[in-house]
mmCIF file of all heavy atoms, coordinates in Angstrom:
data_MODEL
# 
_entry.id   MODEL 
# 
loop_
_atom_site.group_PDB 
_atom_site.id 
_atom_site.type_symbol 
_atom_site.label_atom_id 
_atom_site.label_alt_id 
_atom_site.label_comp_id 
_atom_site.label_asym_id 
_atom_site.label_entity_id 
_atom_site.label_seq_id 
_atom_site.pdbx_PDB_ins_code 
_atom_site.Cartn_x 
_atom_site.Cartn_y 
_atom_site.Cartn_z 
_atom_site.occupancy 
_atom_site.B_iso_or_equiv 
_atom_site.pdbx_formal_charge 
_atom_site.auth_seq_id 
_atom_site.auth_comp_id 
_atom_site.auth_asym_id 
_atom_site.auth_atom_id 
_atom_site.pdbx_PDB_model_num 
ATOM 1   N N   . ILE A 1 1  ? 248.605 156.395 283.287 1.00 0.00 ? 1  ILE A N   1 
ATOM 2   C CA  . ILE A 1 1  ? 248.255 156.871 281.950 1.00 0.00 ? 1  ILE A CA  1 
ATOM 3   C C   . ILE A 1 1  ? 247.060 157.801 282.079 1.00 0.00 ? 1  ILE A C   1 
ATOM 4   O O   . ILE A 1 1  ? 246.071 157.452 282.736 1.00 0.00 ? 1  ILE A O   1 
ATOM 5   C CB  . ILE A 1 1  ? 247.899 155.708 281.007 1.00 0.00 ? 1  ILE A CB  1 
ATOM 6   C CG1 . ILE A 1 1  ? 249.071 154.726 280.904 1.00 0.00 ? 1  ILE A CG1 1 
ATOM 7   C CG2 . ILE A 1 1  ? 247.512 156.239 279.624 1.00 0.00 ? 1  ILE A CG2 1 
ATOM 8   C CD1 . ILE A 1 1  ? 248.738 153.452 280.149 1.00 0.00 ? 1  ILE A CD1 1 
ATOM 9   N N   . PHE A 1 2  ? 247.175 158.981 281.470 1.00 0.00 ? 2  PHE A N   1 
ATOM 10  C CA  . PHE A 1 2  ? 246.046 159.905 281.491 1.00 0.00 ? 2  PHE A CA  1 
ATOM 11  C C   . PHE A 1 2  ? 245.962 160.682 280.197 1.00 0.00 ? 2  PHE A C   1 
ATOM 12  O O   . PHE A 1 2  ? 246.954 160.856 279.491 1.00 0.00 ? 2  PHE A O   1 
ATOM 13  C CB  . PHE A 1 2  ? 246.106 160.854 282.702 1.00 0.00 ? 2  PHE A CB  1 
ATOM 14  C CG  . PHE A 1 2  ? 247.344 161.688 282.795 1.00 0.00 ? 2  PHE A CG  1 
ATOM 15  C CD1 . PHE A 1 2  ? 247.364 162.978 282.302 1.00 0.00 ? 2  PHE A CD1 1 
ATOM 16  C CD2 . PHE A 1 2  ? 248.484 161.197 283.403 1.00 0.00 ? 2  PHE A CD2 1 
ATOM 17  C CE1 . PHE A 1 2  ? 248.503 163.759 282.406 1.00 0.00 ? 2  PHE A CE1 1 
ATOM 18  C CE2 . PHE A 1 2  ? 249.625 161.976 283.521 1.00 0.00 ? 2  PHE A CE2 1 
ATOM 19  C CZ  . PHE A 1 2  ? 249.630 163.263 283.008 1.00 0.00 ? 2  PHE A CZ  1 
ATOM 20  N N   . ASP A 1 3  ? 244.737 161.103 279.878 1.00 0.00 ? 3  ASP A N   1 
ATOM 21  C CA  . ASP A 1 3  ? 244.465 161.926 278.701 1.00 0.00 ? 3  ASP A CA  1 
ATOM 22  C C   . ASP A 1 3  ? 244.190 163.345 279.143 1.00 0.00 ? 3  ASP A C   1 
ATOM 23  O O   . ASP A 1 3  ? 243.611 163.562 280.219 1.00 0.00 ? 3  ASP A O   1 
ATOM 24  C CB  . ASP A 1 3  ? 243.229 161.415 277.948 1.00 0.00 ? 3  ASP A CB  1 
ATOM 25  C CG  . ASP A 1 3  ? 243.479 160.122 277.204 1.00 0.00 ? 3  ASP A CG  1 
ATOM 26  O OD1 . ASP A 1 3  ? 244.627 159.851 276.833 1.00 0.00 ? 3  ASP A OD1 1 
ATOM 27  O OD2 . ASP A 1 3  ? 242.498 159.390 276.972 1.00 0.00 ? 3  ASP A OD2 1 
ATOM 28  N N   . GLN A 1 4  ? 244.583 164.288 278.306 1.00 0.00 ? 4  GLN A N   1 
ATOM 29  C CA  . GLN A 1 4  ? 244.247 165.687 278.550 1.00 0.00 ? 4  GLN A CA  1 
ATOM 30  C C   . GLN A 1 4  ? 243.714 166.303 277.266 1.00 0.00 ? 4  GLN A C   1 
ATOM 31  O O   . GLN A 1 4  ? 244.200 165.995 276.177 1.00 0.00 ? 4  GLN A O   1 
ATOM 32  C CB  . GLN A 1 4  ? 245.458 166.486 279.048 1.00 0.00 ? 4  GLN A CB  1 
ATOM 33  C CG  . GLN A 1 4  ? 245.882 166.057 280.431 1.00 0.00 ? 4  GLN A CG  1 
ATOM 34  C CD  . GLN A 1 4  ? 246.901 166.972 281.049 1.00 0.00 ? 4  GLN A CD  1 
ATOM 35  O OE1 . GLN A 1 4  ? 247.904 167.311 280.442 1.00 0.00 ? 4  GLN A OE1 1 
ATOM 36  N NE2 . GLN A 1 4  ? 246.646 167.366 282.280 1.00 0.00 ? 4  GLN A NE2 1 
ATOM 37  N N   . TRP A 1 5  ? 242.699 167.154 277.431 1.00 0.00 ? 5  TRP A N   1 
ATOM 38  C CA  . TRP A 1 5  ? 242.128 167.929 276.342 1.00 0.00 ? 5  TRP A CA  1 
ATOM 39  C C   . TRP A 1 5  ? 242.375 169.382 276.675 1.00 0.00 ? 5  TRP A C   1 
ATOM 40  O O   . TRP A 1 5  ? 241.967 169.868 277.739 1.00 0.00 ? 5  TRP A O   1 
ATOM 41  C CB  . TRP A 1 5  ? 240.632 167.644 276.202 1.00 0.00 ? 5  TRP A CB  1 
ATOM 42  C CG  . TRP A 1 5  ? 240.367 166.252 275.736 1.00 0.00 ? 5  TRP A CG  1 
ATOM 43  C CD1 . TRP A 1 5  ? 240.193 165.848 274.443 1.00 0.00 ? 5  TRP A CD1 1 
ATOM 44  C CD2 . TRP A 1 5  ? 240.251 165.071 276.531 1.00 0.00 ? 5  TRP A CD2 1 
ATOM 45  N NE1 . TRP A 1 5  ? 239.970 164.486 274.396 1.00 0.00 ? 5  TRP A NE1 1 
ATOM 46  C CE2 . TRP A 1 5  ? 240.005 163.993 275.669 1.00 0.00 ? 5  TRP A CE2 1 
ATOM 47  C CE3 . TRP A 1 5  ? 240.342 164.826 277.910 1.00 0.00 ? 5  TRP A CE3 1 
ATOM 48  C CZ2 . TRP A 1 5  ? 239.838 162.697 276.124 1.00 0.00 ? 5  TRP A CZ2 1 
ATOM 49  C CZ3 . TRP A 1 5  ? 240.176 163.527 278.366 1.00 0.00 ? 5  TRP A CZ3 1 
ATOM 50  C CH2 . TRP A 1 5  ? 239.924 162.485 277.473 1.00 0.00 ? 5  TRP A CH2 1 
ATOM 51  N N   . CYS A 1 6  ? 243.078 170.076 275.778 1.00 0.00 ? 6  CYS A N   1 
ATOM 52  C CA  . CYS A 1 6  ? 243.526 171.441 276.042 1.00 0.00 ? 6  CYS A CA  1 
ATOM 53  C C   . CYS A 1 6  ? 242.971 172.395 274.998 1.00 0.00 ? 6  CYS A C   1 
ATOM 54  O O   . CYS A 1 6  ? 243.056 172.128 273.796 1.00 0.00 ? 6  CYS A O   1 
ATOM 55  C CB  . CYS A 1 6  ? 245.052 171.516 276.008 1.00 0.00 ? 6  CYS A CB  1 
ATOM 56  S SG  . CYS A 1 6  ? 245.870 170.317 277.088 1.00 0.00 ? 6  CYS A SG  1 
ATOM 57  N N   . GLU A 1 7  ? 242.443 173.500 275.467 1.00 0.00 ? 7  GLU A N   1 
ATOM 58  C CA  . GLU A 1 7  ? 241.987 174.551 274.573 1.00 0.00 ? 7  GLU A CA  1 
ATOM 59  C C   . GLU A 1 7  ? 243.207 175.251 273.975 1.00 0.00 ? 7  GLU A C   1 
ATOM 60  O O   . GLU A 1 7  ? 244.310 175.169 274.528 1.00 0.00 ? 7  GLU A O   1 
ATOM 61  C CB  . GLU A 1 7  ? 241.133 175.558 275.350 1.00 0.00 ? 7  GLU A CB  1 
ATOM 62  C CG  . GLU A 1 7  ? 239.849 174.967 275.884 1.00 0.00 ? 7  GLU A CG  1 
ATOM 63  C CD  . GLU A 1 7  ? 239.069 175.939 276.753 1.00 0.00 ? 7  GLU A CD  1 
ATOM 64  O OE1 . GLU A 1 7  ? 239.470 177.122 276.880 1.00 0.00 ? 7  GLU A OE1 1 
ATOM 65  O OE2 . GLU A 1 7  ? 238.056 175.501 277.317 1.00 0.00 ? 7  GLU A OE2 1 
ATOM 66  N N   . PRO A 1 8  ? 243.041 175.942 272.833 1.00 0.00 ? 8  PRO A N   1 
ATOM 67  C CA  . PRO A 1 8  ? 244.173 176.672 272.249 1.00 0.00 ? 8  PRO A CA  1 
ATOM 68  C C   . PRO A 1 8  ? 244.842 177.587 273.282 1.00 0.00 ? 8  PRO A C   1 
ATOM 69  O O   . PRO A 1 8  ? 244.167 178.252 274.059 1.00 0.00 ? 8  PRO A O   1 
ATOM 70  C CB  . PRO A 1 8  ? 243.527 177.477 271.124 1.00 0.00 ? 8  PRO A CB  1 
ATOM 71  C CG  . PRO A 1 8  ? 242.358 176.636 270.709 1.00 0.00 ? 8  PRO A CG  1 
ATOM 72  C CD  . PRO A 1 8  ? 241.830 176.055 272.012 1.00 0.00 ? 8  PRO A CD  1 
ATOM 73  N N   . GLY A 1 9  ? 246.164 177.540 273.305 1.00 0.00 ? 9  GLY A N   1 
ATOM 74  C CA  . GLY A 1 9  ? 246.947 178.362 274.226 1.00 0.00 ? 9  GLY A CA  1 
ATOM 75  C C   . GLY A 1 9  ? 247.139 177.752 275.596 1.00 0.00 ? 9  GLY A C   1 
ATOM 76  O O   . GLY A 1 9  ? 247.897 178.279 276.408 1.00 0.00 ? 9  GLY A O   1 
ATOM 77  N N   . SER A 1 10 ? 246.484 176.633 275.901 1.00 0.00 ? 10 SER A N   1 
ATOM 78  C CA  . SER A 1 10 ? 246.634 176.018 277.227 1.00 0.00 ? 10 SER A CA  1 
ATOM 79  C C   . SER A 1 10 ? 247.444 174.731 277.102 1.00 0.00 ? 10 SER A C   1 
ATOM 80  O O   . SER A 1 10 ? 247.731 174.250 276.011 1.00 0.00 ? 10 SER A O   1 
ATOM 81  C CB  . SER A 1 10 ? 245.263 175.745 277.853 1.00 0.00 ? 10 SER A CB  1 
ATOM 82  O OG  . SER A 1 10 ? 244.555 174.812 277.067 1.00 0.00 ? 10 SER A OG  1 
ATOM 83  N N   . GLY A 1 11 ? 247.828 174.176 278.250 1.00 0.00 ? 11 GLY A N   1 
ATOM 84  C CA  . GLY A 1 11 ? 248.617 172.953 278.270 1.00 0.00 ? 11 GLY A CA  1 
ATOM 85  C C   . GLY A 1 11 ? 249.155 172.696 279.653 1.00 0.00 ? 11 GLY A C   1 
ATOM 86  O O   . GLY A 1 11 ? 248.462 172.928 280.645 1.00 0.00 ? 11 GLY A O   1 
ATOM 87  N N   . ALA A 1 12 ? 250.389 172.249 279.734 1.00 0.00 ? 12 ALA A N   1 
ATOM 88  C CA  . ALA A 1 12 ? 251.039 171.958 281.010 1.00 0.00 ? 12 ALA A CA  1 
ATOM 89  C C   . ALA A 1 12 ? 252.265 172.844 281.168 1.00 0.00 ? 12 ALA A C   1 
ATOM 90  O O   . ALA A 1 12 ? 253.122 172.887 280.285 1.00 0.00 ? 12 ALA A O   1 
ATOM 91  C CB  . ALA A 1 12 ? 251.452 170.487 281.076 1.00 0.00 ? 12 ALA A CB  1 
ATOM 92  N N   . PRO A 1 13 ? 252.368 173.543 282.303 1.00 0.00 ? 13 PRO A N   1 
ATOM 93  C CA  . PRO A 1 13 ? 253.546 174.385 282.535 1.00 0.00 ? 13 PRO A CA  1 
ATOM 94  C C   . PRO A 1 13 ? 254.787 173.527 282.768 1.00 0.00 ? 13 PRO A C   1 
ATOM 95  O O   . PRO A 1 13 ? 254.686 172.305 282.961 1.00 0.00 ? 13 PRO A O   1 
ATOM 96  C CB  . PRO A 1 13 ? 253.166 175.160 283.802 1.00 0.00 ? 13 PRO A CB  1 
ATOM 97  C CG  . PRO A 1 13 ? 252.215 174.270 284.514 1.00 0.00 ? 13 PRO A CG  1 
ATOM 98  C CD  . PRO A 1 13 ? 251.441 173.547 283.433 1.00 0.00 ? 13 PRO A CD  1 
ATOM 99  N N   . LEU A 1 14 ? 255.937 174.166 282.759 1.00 0.00 ? 14 LEU A N   1 
ATOM 100 C CA  . LEU A 1 14 ? 257.191 173.436 282.960 1.00 0.00 ? 14 LEU A CA  1 
ATOM 101 C C   . LEU A 1 14 ? 257.182 172.713 284.305 1.00 0.00 ? 14 LEU A C   1 
ATOM 102 O O   . LEU A 1 14 ? 256.835 173.284 285.338 1.00 0.00 ? 14 LEU A O   1 
ATOM 103 C CB  . LEU A 1 14 ? 258.380 174.388 282.882 1.00 0.00 ? 14 LEU A CB  1 
ATOM 104 C CG  . LEU A 1 14 ? 258.651 174.962 281.494 1.00 0.00 ? 14 LEU A CG  1 
ATOM 105 C CD1 . LEU A 1 14 ? 259.772 175.991 281.557 1.00 0.00 ? 14 LEU A CD1 1 
ATOM 106 C CD2 . LEU A 1 14 ? 258.987 173.861 280.489 1.00 0.00 ? 14 LEU A CD2 1 
ATOM 107 N N   . HIS A 1 15 ? 257.543 171.415 284.244 1.00 0.00 ? 15 HIS A N   1 
ATOM 108 C CA  . HIS A 1 15 ? 257.564 170.572 285.428 1.00 0.00 ? 15 HIS A CA  1 
ATOM 109 C C   . HIS A 1 15 ? 258.483 169.390 285.162 1.00 0.00 ? 15 HIS A C   1 
ATOM 110 O O   . HIS A 1 15 ? 258.991 169.222 284.053 1.00 0.00 ? 15 HIS A O   1 
ATOM 111 C CB  . HIS A 1 15 ? 256.144 170.080 285.780 1.00 0.00 ? 15 HIS A CB  1 
ATOM 112 C CG  . HIS A 1 15 ? 255.536 169.223 284.729 1.00 0.00 ? 15 HIS A CG  1 
ATOM 113 N ND1 . HIS A 1 15 ? 255.017 169.724 283.542 1.00 0.00 ? 15 HIS A ND1 1 
ATOM 114 C CD2 . HIS A 1 15 ? 255.374 167.872 284.664 1.00 0.00 ? 15 HIS A CD2 1 
ATOM 115 C CE1 . HIS A 1 15 ? 254.562 168.729 282.812 1.00 0.00 ? 15 HIS A CE1 1 
ATOM 116 N NE2 . HIS A 1 15 ? 254.763 167.593 283.460 1.00 0.00 ? 15 HIS A NE2 1 
ATOM 117 N N   . LEU A 1 16 ? 258.687 168.563 286.171 1.00 0.00 ? 16 LEU A N   1 
ATOM 118 C CA  . LEU A 1 16 ? 259.474 167.346 285.980 1.00 0.00 ? 16 LEU A CA  1 
ATOM 119 C C   . LEU A 1 16 ? 258.900 166.226 286.829 1.00 0.00 ? 16 LEU A C   1 
ATOM 120 O O   . LEU A 1 16 ? 258.155 166.459 287.774 1.00 0.00 ? 16 LEU A O   1 
ATOM 121 C CB  . LEU A 1 16 ? 260.955 167.577 286.274 1.00 0.00 ? 16 LEU A CB  1 
ATOM 122 C CG  . LEU A 1 16 ? 261.353 168.109 287.647 1.00 0.00 ? 16 LEU A CG  1 
ATOM 123 C CD1 . LEU A 1 16 ? 261.538 166.974 288.638 1.00 0.00 ? 16 LEU A CD1 1 
ATOM 124 C CD2 . LEU A 1 16 ? 262.642 168.902 287.528 1.00 0.00 ? 16 LEU A CD2 1 
ATOM 125 N N   . HIS A 1 17 ? 259.262 165.006 286.441 1.00 0.00 ? 17 HIS A N   1 
ATOM 126 C CA  . HIS A 1 17 ? 258.884 163.794 287.161 1.00 0.00 ? 17 HIS A CA  1 
ATOM 127 C C   . HIS A 1 17 ? 260.153 163.015 287.471 1.00 0.00 ? 17 HIS A C   1 
ATOM 128 O O   . HIS A 1 17 ? 261.158 163.143 286.774 1.00 0.00 ? 17 HIS A O   1 
ATOM 129 C CB  . HIS A 1 17 ? 257.975 162.896 286.312 1.00 0.00 ? 17 HIS A CB  1 
ATOM 130 C CG  . HIS A 1 17 ? 256.806 163.591 285.722 1.00 0.00 ? 17 HIS A CG  1 
ATOM 131 N ND1 . HIS A 1 17 ? 255.685 163.934 286.438 1.00 0.00 ? 17 HIS A ND1 1 
ATOM 132 C CD2 . HIS A 1 17 ? 256.572 164.013 284.452 1.00 0.00 ? 17 HIS A CD2 1 
ATOM 133 C CE1 . HIS A 1 17 ? 254.813 164.527 285.647 1.00 0.00 ? 17 HIS A CE1 1 
ATOM 134 N NE2 . HIS A 1 17 ? 255.335 164.596 284.429 1.00 0.00 ? 17 HIS A NE2 1 
ATOM 135 N N   . ALA A 1 18 ? 260.089 162.148 288.470 1.00 0.00 ? 18 ALA A N   1 
ATOM 136 C CA  . ALA A 1 18 ? 261.226 161.298 288.823 1.00 0.00 ? 18 ALA A CA  1 
ATOM 137 C C   . ALA A 1 18 ? 261.347 160.108 287.875 1.00 0.00 ? 18 ALA A C   1 
ATOM 138 O O   . ALA A 1 18 ? 262.318 159.360 287.952 1.00 0.00 ? 18 ALA A O   1 
ATOM 139 C CB  . ALA A 1 18 ? 261.082 160.802 290.259 1.00 0.00 ? 18 ALA A CB  1 
ATOM 140 N N   . VAL A 1 19 ? 260.368 159.938 286.973 1.00 0.00 ? 19 VAL A N   1 
ATOM 141 C CA  . VAL A 1 19 ? 260.349 158.796 286.048 1.00 0.00 ? 19 VAL A CA  1 
ATOM 142 C C   . VAL A 1 19 ? 260.192 159.287 284.611 1.00 0.00 ? 19 VAL A C   1 
ATOM 143 O O   . VAL A 1 19 ? 259.826 160.437 284.379 1.00 0.00 ? 19 VAL A O   1 
ATOM 144 C CB  . VAL A 1 19 ? 259.191 157.830 286.402 1.00 0.00 ? 19 VAL A CB  1 
ATOM 145 C CG1 . VAL A 1 19 ? 259.384 157.248 287.792 1.00 0.00 ? 19 VAL A CG1 1 
ATOM 146 C CG2 . VAL A 1 19 ? 257.842 158.515 286.277 1.00 0.00 ? 19 VAL A CG2 1 
ATOM 147 N N   . GLU A 1 20 ? 260.445 158.396 283.656 1.00 0.00 ? 20 GLU A N   1 
ATOM 148 C CA  . GLU A 1 20 ? 260.222 158.714 282.249 1.00 0.00 ? 20 GLU A CA  1 
ATOM 149 C C   . GLU A 1 20 ? 258.747 158.972 281.975 1.00 0.00 ? 20 GLU A C   1 
ATOM 150 O O   . GLU A 1 20 ? 257.876 158.421 282.643 1.00 0.00 ? 20 GLU A O   1 
ATOM 151 C CB  . GLU A 1 20 ? 260.628 157.528 281.357 1.00 0.00 ? 20 GLU A CB  1 
ATOM 152 C CG  . GLU A 1 20 ? 262.090 157.372 281.138 1.00 0.00 ? 20 GLU A CG  1 
ATOM 153 C CD  . GLU A 1 20 ? 262.371 156.234 280.168 1.00 0.00 ? 20 GLU A CD  1 
ATOM 154 O OE1 . GLU A 1 20 ? 261.686 155.179 280.237 1.00 0.00 ? 20 GLU A OE1 1 
ATOM 155 O OE2 . GLU A 1 20 ? 263.281 156.405 279.344 1.00 0.00 ? 20 GLU A OE2 1 
ATOM 156 N N   . GLU A 1 21 ? 258.514 159.786 280.954 1.00 0.00 ? 21 GLU A N   1 
ATOM 157 C CA  . GLU A 1 21 ? 257.143 160.043 280.502 1.00 0.00 ? 21 GLU A CA  1 
ATOM 158 C C   . GLU A 1 21 ? 257.132 160.048 278.981 1.00 0.00 ? 21 GLU A C   1 
ATOM 159 O O   . GLU A 1 21 ? 258.038 160.587 278.342 1.00 0.00 ? 21 GLU A O   1 
ATOM 160 C CB  . GLU A 1 21 ? 256.658 161.395 281.011 1.00 0.00 ? 21 GLU A CB  1 
ATOM 161 C CG  . GLU A 1 21 ? 255.262 161.757 280.533 1.00 0.00 ? 21 GLU A CG  1 
ATOM 162 C CD  . GLU A 1 21 ? 254.759 163.082 281.074 1.00 0.00 ? 21 GLU A CD  1 
ATOM 163 O OE1 . GLU A 1 21 ? 255.572 163.878 281.602 1.00 0.00 ? 21 GLU A OE1 1 
ATOM 164 O OE2 . GLU A 1 21 ? 253.555 163.333 280.942 1.00 0.00 ? 21 GLU A OE2 1 
ATOM 165 N N   . LEU A 1 22 ? 256.090 159.469 278.410 1.00 0.00 ? 22 LEU A N   1 
ATOM 166 C CA  . LEU A 1 22 ? 255.866 159.544 276.979 1.00 0.00 ? 22 LEU A CA  1 
ATOM 167 C C   . LEU A 1 22 ? 254.664 160.456 276.761 1.00 0.00 ? 22 LEU A C   1 
ATOM 168 O O   . LEU A 1 22 ? 253.581 160.188 277.287 1.00 0.00 ? 22 LEU A O   1 
ATOM 169 C CB  . LEU A 1 22 ? 255.578 158.166 276.376 1.00 0.00 ? 22 LEU A CB  1 
ATOM 170 C CG  . LEU A 1 22 ? 255.359 158.184 274.867 1.00 0.00 ? 22 LEU A CG  1 
ATOM 171 C CD1 . LEU A 1 22 ? 256.669 158.460 274.138 1.00 0.00 ? 22 LEU A CD1 1 
ATOM 172 C CD2 . LEU A 1 22 ? 254.731 156.888 274.395 1.00 0.00 ? 22 LEU A CD2 1 
ATOM 173 N N   . LEU A 1 23 ? 254.855 161.558 276.026 1.00 0.00 ? 23 LEU A N   1 
ATOM 174 C CA  . LEU A 1 23 ? 253.767 162.459 275.656 1.00 0.00 ? 23 LEU A CA  1 
ATOM 175 C C   . LEU A 1 23 ? 253.394 162.170 274.211 1.00 0.00 ? 23 LEU A C   1 
ATOM 176 O O   . LEU A 1 23 ? 254.224 162.330 273.314 1.00 0.00 ? 23 LEU A O   1 
ATOM 177 C CB  . LEU A 1 23 ? 254.199 163.926 275.785 1.00 0.00 ? 23 LEU A CB  1 
ATOM 178 C CG  . LEU A 1 23 ? 254.245 164.505 277.177 1.00 0.00 ? 23 LEU A CG  1 
ATOM 179 C CD1 . LEU A 1 23 ? 254.781 165.934 277.132 1.00 0.00 ? 23 LEU A CD1 1 
ATOM 180 C CD2 . LEU A 1 23 ? 252.872 164.483 277.819 1.00 0.00 ? 23 LEU A CD2 1 
ATOM 181 N N   . GLU A 1 24 ? 252.168 161.742 274.002 1.00 0.00 ? 24 GLU A N   1 
ATOM 182 C CA  . GLU A 1 24 ? 251.695 161.376 272.677 1.00 0.00 ? 24 GLU A CA  1 
ATOM 183 C C   . GLU A 1 24 ? 250.545 162.294 272.274 1.00 0.00 ? 24 GLU A C   1 
ATOM 184 O O   . GLU A 1 24 ? 249.598 162.477 273.034 1.00 0.00 ? 24 GLU A O   1 
ATOM 185 C CB  . GLU A 1 24 ? 251.192 159.937 272.692 1.00 0.00 ? 24 GLU A CB  1 
ATOM 186 C CG  . GLU A 1 24 ? 250.607 159.466 271.390 1.00 0.00 ? 24 GLU A CG  1 
ATOM 187 C CD  . GLU A 1 24 ? 250.001 158.081 271.488 1.00 0.00 ? 24 GLU A CD  1 
ATOM 188 O OE1 . GLU A 1 24 ? 250.015 157.470 272.567 1.00 0.00 ? 24 GLU A OE1 1 
ATOM 189 O OE2 . GLU A 1 24 ? 249.498 157.610 270.450 1.00 0.00 ? 24 GLU A OE2 1 
ATOM 190 N N   . VAL A 1 25 ? 250.646 162.878 271.088 1.00 0.00 ? 25 VAL A N   1 
ATOM 191 C CA  . VAL A 1 25 ? 249.561 163.706 270.567 1.00 0.00 ? 25 VAL A CA  1 
ATOM 192 C C   . VAL A 1 25 ? 248.570 162.787 269.870 1.00 0.00 ? 25 VAL A C   1 
ATOM 193 O O   . VAL A 1 25 ? 248.920 162.074 268.932 1.00 0.00 ? 25 VAL A O   1 
ATOM 194 C CB  . VAL A 1 25 ? 250.086 164.796 269.607 1.00 0.00 ? 25 VAL A CB  1 
ATOM 195 C CG1 . VAL A 1 25 ? 248.930 165.568 268.989 1.00 0.00 ? 25 VAL A CG1 1 
ATOM 196 C CG2 . VAL A 1 25 ? 251.044 165.732 270.340 1.00 0.00 ? 25 VAL A CG2 1 
ATOM 197 N N   . ILE A 1 26 ? 247.332 162.807 270.348 1.00 0.00 ? 26 ILE A N   1 
ATOM 198 C CA  . ILE A 1 26 ? 246.263 162.017 269.758 1.00 0.00 ? 26 ILE A CA  1 
ATOM 199 C C   . ILE A 1 26 ? 245.569 162.830 268.661 1.00 0.00 ? 26 ILE A C   1 
ATOM 200 O O   . ILE A 1 26 ? 245.259 162.331 267.589 1.00 0.00 ? 26 ILE A O   1 
ATOM 201 C CB  . ILE A 1 26 ? 245.234 161.583 270.825 1.00 0.00 ? 26 ILE A CB  1 
ATOM 202 C CG1 . ILE A 1 26 ? 245.915 160.845 271.979 1.00 0.00 ? 26 ILE A CG1 1 
ATOM 203 C CG2 . ILE A 1 26 ? 244.107 160.760 270.206 1.00 0.00 ? 26 ILE A CG2 1 
ATOM 204 C CD1 . ILE A 1 26 ? 246.586 159.551 271.611 1.00 0.00 ? 26 ILE A CD1 1 
# 
């Protein structure tokens, strides 16, 4: 589990994992 703080226009580029992921907007 990890948190990310992103400035406007930034984030995570297209990628994949071998497992499920839940992305939650805080």
